[in-house]
């Protein structure tokens, strides 16, 4: 019940307080810099809370991340190497959805480790630091399997998406 109340009682302005323009700009710059170090694509999406219908599902955060992965067309890269970092603020929940190009090369535990790193920073109130640490960790995992290519181009926007 507490989890559901958190979603109902979390105001939308809470997102802007934790992710002010300077933090959003830092995330955009970090993604741009990271993508110059490897051949993958990173998207970052932030949502304050889920609607009443969704919060009844105990796996709603993960399902929402997969839904946004499709909506934001993270799957639509030439080498199937897009990664979505999804932040659900009300639940202090982070999910990473990686495209099929990572299957068999990056484990679920490695992606989960990045989520735990970010969640620890967020619990300490360090939203900018946690976001940047998560981007760096995801970038390191991408770089192990998709080195930079001469013909690489930026296939997805670098700016974070605020889901309303």
C-alpha atoms as a PDB file:
ATOM      1  CA  UNK A   1       0.000   0.000   0.000  1.00  0.00           C
ATOM      2  CA  UNK A   2       2.852   2.409   0.845  1.00  0.00           C
ATOM      3  CA  UNK A   3       4.204   2.059  -2.697  1.00  0.00           C
ATOM      4  CA  UNK A   4       0.836   3.075  -4.169  1.00  0.00           C
ATOM      5  CA  UNK A   5       0.475   6.045  -1.836  1.00  0.00           C
ATOM      6  CA  UNK A   6       3.904   7.281  -2.885  1.00  0.00           C
ATOM      7  CA  UNK A   7       2.730   7.450  -6.496  1.00  0.00           C
ATOM      8  CA  UNK A   8      -0.491   9.223  -5.550  1.00  0.00           C
ATOM      9  CA  UNK A   9       1.231  11.756  -3.307  1.00  0.00           C
ATOM     10  CA  UNK A  10       4.283  12.584  -5.420  1.00  0.00           C
ATOM     11  CA  UNK A  11       3.788  15.989  -7.063  1.00  0.00           C
ATOM     12  CA  UNK A  12       4.938  16.543 -10.629  1.00  0.00           C
ATOM     13  CA  UNK A  13       7.145  19.518  -9.622  1.00  0.00           C
ATOM     14  CA  UNK A  14       9.245  17.078  -7.598  1.00  0.00           C
ATOM     15  CA  UNK A  15      10.943  15.978 -10.824  1.00  0.00           C
ATOM     16  CA  UNK A  16      12.086  19.509 -11.671  1.00  0.00           C
ATOM     17  CA  UNK A  17      13.530  19.943  -8.192  1.00  0.00           C
ATOM     18  CA  UNK A  18      15.619  16.747  -8.529  1.00  0.00           C
ATOM     19  CA  UNK A  19      16.401  17.217 -12.215  1.00  0.00           C
ATOM     20  CA  UNK A  20      16.753  20.991 -12.752  1.00  0.00           C
ATOM     21  CA  UNK A  21      17.854  22.346 -16.164  1.00  0.00           C
ATOM     22  CA  UNK A  22      21.547  22.194 -15.211  1.00  0.00           C
ATOM     23  CA  UNK A  23      21.259  18.476 -14.395  1.00  0.00           C
ATOM     24  CA  UNK A  24      19.352  17.770 -17.611  1.00  0.00           C
ATOM     25  CA  UNK A  25      22.059  19.608 -19.569  1.00  0.00           C
ATOM     26  CA  UNK A  26      24.764  17.602 -17.791  1.00  0.00           C
ATOM     27  CA  UNK A  27      22.971  14.362 -18.695  1.00  0.00           C
ATOM     28  CA  UNK A  28      22.747  15.445 -22.355  1.00  0.00           C
ATOM     29  CA  UNK A  29      26.455  16.314 -22.427  1.00  0.00           C
ATOM     30  CA  UNK A  30      27.420  13.062 -20.679  1.00  0.00           C
ATOM     31  CA  UNK A  31      25.465  10.963 -23.175  1.00  0.00           C
ATOM     32  CA  UNK A  32      27.021  12.828 -26.106  1.00  0.00           C
ATOM     33  CA  UNK A  33      30.533  12.354 -24.690  1.00  0.00           C
ATOM     34  CA  UNK A  34      29.879   8.690 -23.837  1.00  0.00           C
ATOM     35  CA  UNK A  35      28.609   7.894 -27.329  1.00  0.00           C
ATOM     36  CA  UNK A  36      31.857   9.206 -28.835  1.00  0.00           C
ATOM     37  CA  UNK A  37      33.662   6.456 -26.885  1.00  0.00           C
ATOM     38  CA  UNK A  38      31.675   3.512 -28.296  1.00  0.00           C
ATOM     39  CA  UNK A  39      29.306   2.473 -31.073  1.00  0.00           C
ATOM     40  CA  UNK A  40      26.120   2.277 -28.974  1.00  0.00           C
ATOM     41  CA  UNK A  41      23.223   4.609 -28.243  1.00  0.00           C
ATOM     42  CA  UNK A  42      21.922   5.701 -24.825  1.00  0.00           C
ATOM     43  CA  UNK A  43      18.529   7.213 -23.987  1.00  0.00           C
ATOM     44  CA  UNK A  44      17.599   8.524 -20.552  1.00  0.00           C
ATOM     45  CA  UNK A  45      13.938   8.837 -19.508  1.00  0.00           C
ATOM     46  CA  UNK A  46      12.575  10.243 -16.249  1.00  0.00           C
ATOM     47  CA  UNK A  47       9.011   9.839 -14.990  1.00  0.00           C
ATOM     48  CA  UNK A  48       7.675  11.253 -11.732  1.00  0.00           C
ATOM     49  CA  UNK A  49       5.055   8.607 -10.987  1.00  0.00           C
ATOM     50  CA  UNK A  50       2.748   6.087 -12.585  1.00  0.00           C
ATOM     51  CA  UNK A  51      -0.972   6.475 -13.025  1.00  0.00           C
ATOM     52  CA  UNK A  52      -3.413   4.605 -10.791  1.00  0.00           C
ATOM     53  CA  UNK A  53      -4.067   1.870 -13.357  1.00  0.00           C
ATOM     54  CA  UNK A  54      -0.375   1.008 -13.700  1.00  0.00           C
ATOM     55  CA  UNK A  55       0.560   1.086 -10.032  1.00  0.00           C
ATOM     56  CA  UNK A  56      -1.587  -1.970  -9.297  1.00  0.00           C
ATOM     57  CA  UNK A  57       0.965  -4.052 -11.210  1.00  0.00           C
ATOM     58  CA  UNK A  58       3.917  -5.063  -8.984  1.00  0.00           C
ATOM     59  CA  UNK A  59       6.193  -5.128 -12.062  1.00  0.00           C
ATOM     60  CA  UNK A  60       4.881  -1.812 -13.418  1.00  0.00           C
ATOM     61  CA  UNK A  61       8.249  -0.038 -13.466  1.00  0.00           C
ATOM     62  CA  UNK A  62       9.864  -2.694 -15.628  1.00  0.00           C
ATOM     63  CA  UNK A  63       6.841  -2.883 -17.942  1.00  0.00           C
ATOM     64  CA  UNK A  64       6.817   0.901 -18.287  1.00  0.00           C
ATOM     65  CA  UNK A  65      10.546   0.904 -19.131  1.00  0.00           C
ATOM     66  CA  UNK A  66       9.952  -1.666 -21.888  1.00  0.00           C
ATOM     67  CA  UNK A  67       7.015   0.366 -23.188  1.00  0.00           C
ATOM     68  CA  UNK A  68       9.143   3.534 -23.344  1.00  0.00           C
ATOM     69  CA  UNK A  69      11.991   1.597 -24.983  1.00  0.00           C
ATOM     70  CA  UNK A  70       9.572   0.950 -27.856  1.00  0.00           C
ATOM     71  CA  UNK A  71       7.936   4.409 -27.875  1.00  0.00           C
ATOM     72  CA  UNK A  72      11.301   6.181 -27.929  1.00  0.00           C
ATOM     73  CA  UNK A  73      12.487   3.823 -30.690  1.00  0.00           C
ATOM     74  CA  UNK A  74      15.578   2.805 -28.754  1.00  0.00           C
ATOM     75  CA  UNK A  75      15.369  -0.501 -30.616  1.00  0.00           C
ATOM     76  CA  UNK A  76      15.712   1.300 -33.939  1.00  0.00           C
ATOM     77  CA  UNK A  77      19.513   1.429 -34.273  1.00  0.00           C
ATOM     78  CA  UNK A  78      21.604  -0.054 -37.065  1.00  0.00           C
ATOM     79  CA  UNK A  79      23.455  -2.466 -34.772  1.00  0.00           C
ATOM     80  CA  UNK A  80      20.672  -3.163 -32.227  1.00  0.00           C
ATOM     81  CA  UNK A  81      22.768  -1.561 -29.511  1.00  0.00           C
ATOM     82  CA  UNK A  82      20.460   0.984 -27.923  1.00  0.00           C
ATOM     83  CA  UNK A  83      20.097   1.177 -24.137  1.00  0.00           C
ATOM     84  CA  UNK A  84      17.362   2.950 -22.171  1.00  0.00           C
ATOM     85  CA  UNK A  85      17.972   4.149 -18.621  1.00  0.00           C
ATOM     86  CA  UNK A  86      14.515   4.655 -17.077  1.00  0.00           C
ATOM     87  CA  UNK A  87      14.112   6.526 -13.786  1.00  0.00           C
ATOM     88  CA  UNK A  88      10.791   6.262 -11.928  1.00  0.00           C
ATOM     89  CA  UNK A  89      11.161   8.874  -9.184  1.00  0.00           C
ATOM     90  CA  UNK A  90       8.181   8.067  -6.957  1.00  0.00           C
ATOM     91  CA  UNK A  91       9.365   4.498  -6.450  1.00  0.00           C
ATOM     92  CA  UNK A  92      13.100   5.356  -6.429  1.00  0.00           C
ATOM     93  CA  UNK A  93      13.226   2.727  -9.133  1.00  0.00           C
ATOM     94  CA  UNK A  94      15.616   2.483 -12.087  1.00  0.00           C
ATOM     95  CA  UNK A  95      15.395   0.055 -14.974  1.00  0.00           C
ATOM     96  CA  UNK A  96      17.750  -0.503 -17.865  1.00  0.00           C
ATOM     97  CA  UNK A  97      16.426  -1.986 -21.086  1.00  0.00           C
ATOM     98  CA  UNK A  98      19.056  -3.039 -23.612  1.00  0.00           C
ATOM     99  CA  UNK A  99      18.467  -4.036 -27.220  1.00  0.00           C
ATOM    100  CA  UNK A 100      19.068  -7.542 -28.528  1.00  0.00           C
ATOM    101  CA  UNK A 101      22.620  -6.713 -29.631  1.00  0.00           C
ATOM    102  CA  UNK A 102      23.669  -7.166 -25.985  1.00  0.00           C
ATOM    103  CA  UNK A 103      22.069 -10.604 -25.544  1.00  0.00           C
ATOM    104  CA  UNK A 104      24.661 -13.084 -24.361  1.00  0.00           C
ATOM    105  CA  UNK A 105      27.320 -10.423 -23.797  1.00  0.00           C
ATOM    106  CA  UNK A 106      26.072  -8.219 -20.943  1.00  0.00           C
ATOM    107  CA  UNK A 107      24.349 -10.064 -18.114  1.00  0.00           C
ATOM    108  CA  UNK A 108      21.172  -9.003 -16.342  1.00  0.00           C
ATOM    109  CA  UNK A 109      23.292  -8.759 -13.195  1.00  0.00           C
ATOM    110  CA  UNK A 110      25.614  -6.221 -14.812  1.00  0.00           C
ATOM    111  CA  UNK A 111      22.702  -4.008 -15.866  1.00  0.00           C
ATOM    112  CA  UNK A 112      21.147  -4.430 -12.386  1.00  0.00           C
ATOM    113  CA  UNK A 113      24.452  -3.358 -10.838  1.00  0.00           C
ATOM    114  CA  UNK A 114      24.222  -0.053 -12.693  1.00  0.00           C
ATOM    115  CA  UNK A 115      20.666   0.417 -11.401  1.00  0.00           C
ATOM    116  CA  UNK A 116      21.769  -0.241  -7.789  1.00  0.00           C
ATOM    117  CA  UNK A 117      24.647   2.245  -8.178  1.00  0.00           C
ATOM    118  CA  UNK A 118      22.246   4.931  -9.358  1.00  0.00           C
ATOM    119  CA  UNK A 119      19.612   4.113  -6.729  1.00  0.00           C
ATOM    120  CA  UNK A 120      22.199   4.459  -3.944  1.00  0.00           C
ATOM    121  CA  UNK A 121      23.205   7.901  -5.220  1.00  0.00           C
ATOM    122  CA  UNK A 122      19.559   8.952  -5.574  1.00  0.00           C
ATOM    123  CA  UNK A 123      18.742   7.819  -2.009  1.00  0.00           C
ATOM    124  CA  UNK A 124      21.554  10.121  -0.871  1.00  0.00           C
ATOM    125  CA  UNK A 125      19.923  12.990  -2.789  1.00  0.00           C
ATOM    126  CA  UNK A 126      22.658  12.984  -5.439  1.00  0.00           C
ATOM    127  CA  UNK A 127      20.519  12.936  -8.589  1.00  0.00           C
ATOM    128  CA  UNK A 128      23.050  14.564 -10.915  1.00  0.00           C
ATOM    129  CA  UNK A 129      25.950  12.428  -9.657  1.00  0.00           C
ATOM    130  CA  UNK A 130      23.847   9.263  -9.775  1.00  0.00           C
ATOM    131  CA  UNK A 131      22.677   9.964 -13.308  1.00  0.00           C
ATOM    132  CA  UNK A 132      26.194  10.671 -14.553  1.00  0.00           C
ATOM    133  CA  UNK A 133      27.592   7.591 -12.786  1.00  0.00           C
ATOM    134  CA  UNK A 134      24.880   5.468 -14.404  1.00  0.00           C
ATOM    135  CA  UNK A 135      25.626   6.853 -17.858  1.00  0.00           C
ATOM    136  CA  UNK A 136      29.356   6.183 -17.365  1.00  0.00           C
ATOM    137  CA  UNK A 137      28.696   2.615 -16.191  1.00  0.00           C
ATOM    138  CA  UNK A 138      26.327   1.887 -19.090  1.00  0.00           C
ATOM    139  CA  UNK A 139      28.853   3.390 -21.474  1.00  0.00           C
ATOM    140  CA  UNK A 140      31.590   1.092 -20.124  1.00  0.00           C
ATOM    141  CA  UNK A 141      29.365  -1.955 -20.703  1.00  0.00           C
ATOM    142  CA  UNK A 142      28.503  -0.804 -24.227  1.00  0.00           C
ATOM    143  CA  UNK A 143      32.159  -0.099 -25.039  1.00  0.00           C
ATOM    144  CA  UNK A 144      33.178  -3.663 -24.181  1.00  0.00           C
ATOM    145  CA  UNK A 145      31.041  -4.961 -27.041  1.00  0.00           C
ATOM    146  CA  UNK A 146      30.572  -2.069 -29.450  1.00  0.00           C
ATOM    147  CA  UNK A 147      33.815  -0.138 -29.970  1.00  0.00           C
ATOM    148  CA  UNK A 148      33.647   3.191 -31.810  1.00  0.00           C
ATOM    149  CA  UNK A 149      33.340   2.935 -35.596  1.00  0.00           C
ATOM    150  CA  UNK A 150      34.540   5.359 -38.239  1.00  0.00           C
ATOM    151  CA  UNK A 151      31.064   5.415 -39.815  1.00  0.00           C
ATOM    152  CA  UNK A 152      29.243   5.871 -36.493  1.00  0.00           C
ATOM    153  CA  UNK A 153      26.534   8.509 -36.341  1.00  0.00           C
ATOM    154  CA  UNK A 154      24.302   9.686 -33.539  1.00  0.00           C
ATOM    155  CA  UNK A 155      21.094   7.746 -34.191  1.00  0.00           C
ATOM    156  CA  UNK A 156      19.048   8.815 -31.147  1.00  0.00           C
ATOM    157  CA  UNK A 157      18.702  12.157 -29.313  1.00  0.00           C
ATOM    158  CA  UNK A 158      21.055  12.662 -26.373  1.00  0.00           C
ATOM    159  CA  UNK A 159      18.708  14.849 -24.307  1.00  0.00           C
ATOM    160  CA  UNK A 160      16.793  13.121 -21.507  1.00  0.00           C
ATOM    161  CA  UNK A 161      13.069  12.611 -21.966  1.00  0.00           C
ATOM    162  CA  UNK A 162      10.732  13.877 -19.268  1.00  0.00           C
ATOM    163  CA  UNK A 163       7.666  11.641 -19.347  1.00  0.00           C
ATOM    164  CA  UNK A 164       4.567  13.467 -18.165  1.00  0.00           C
END
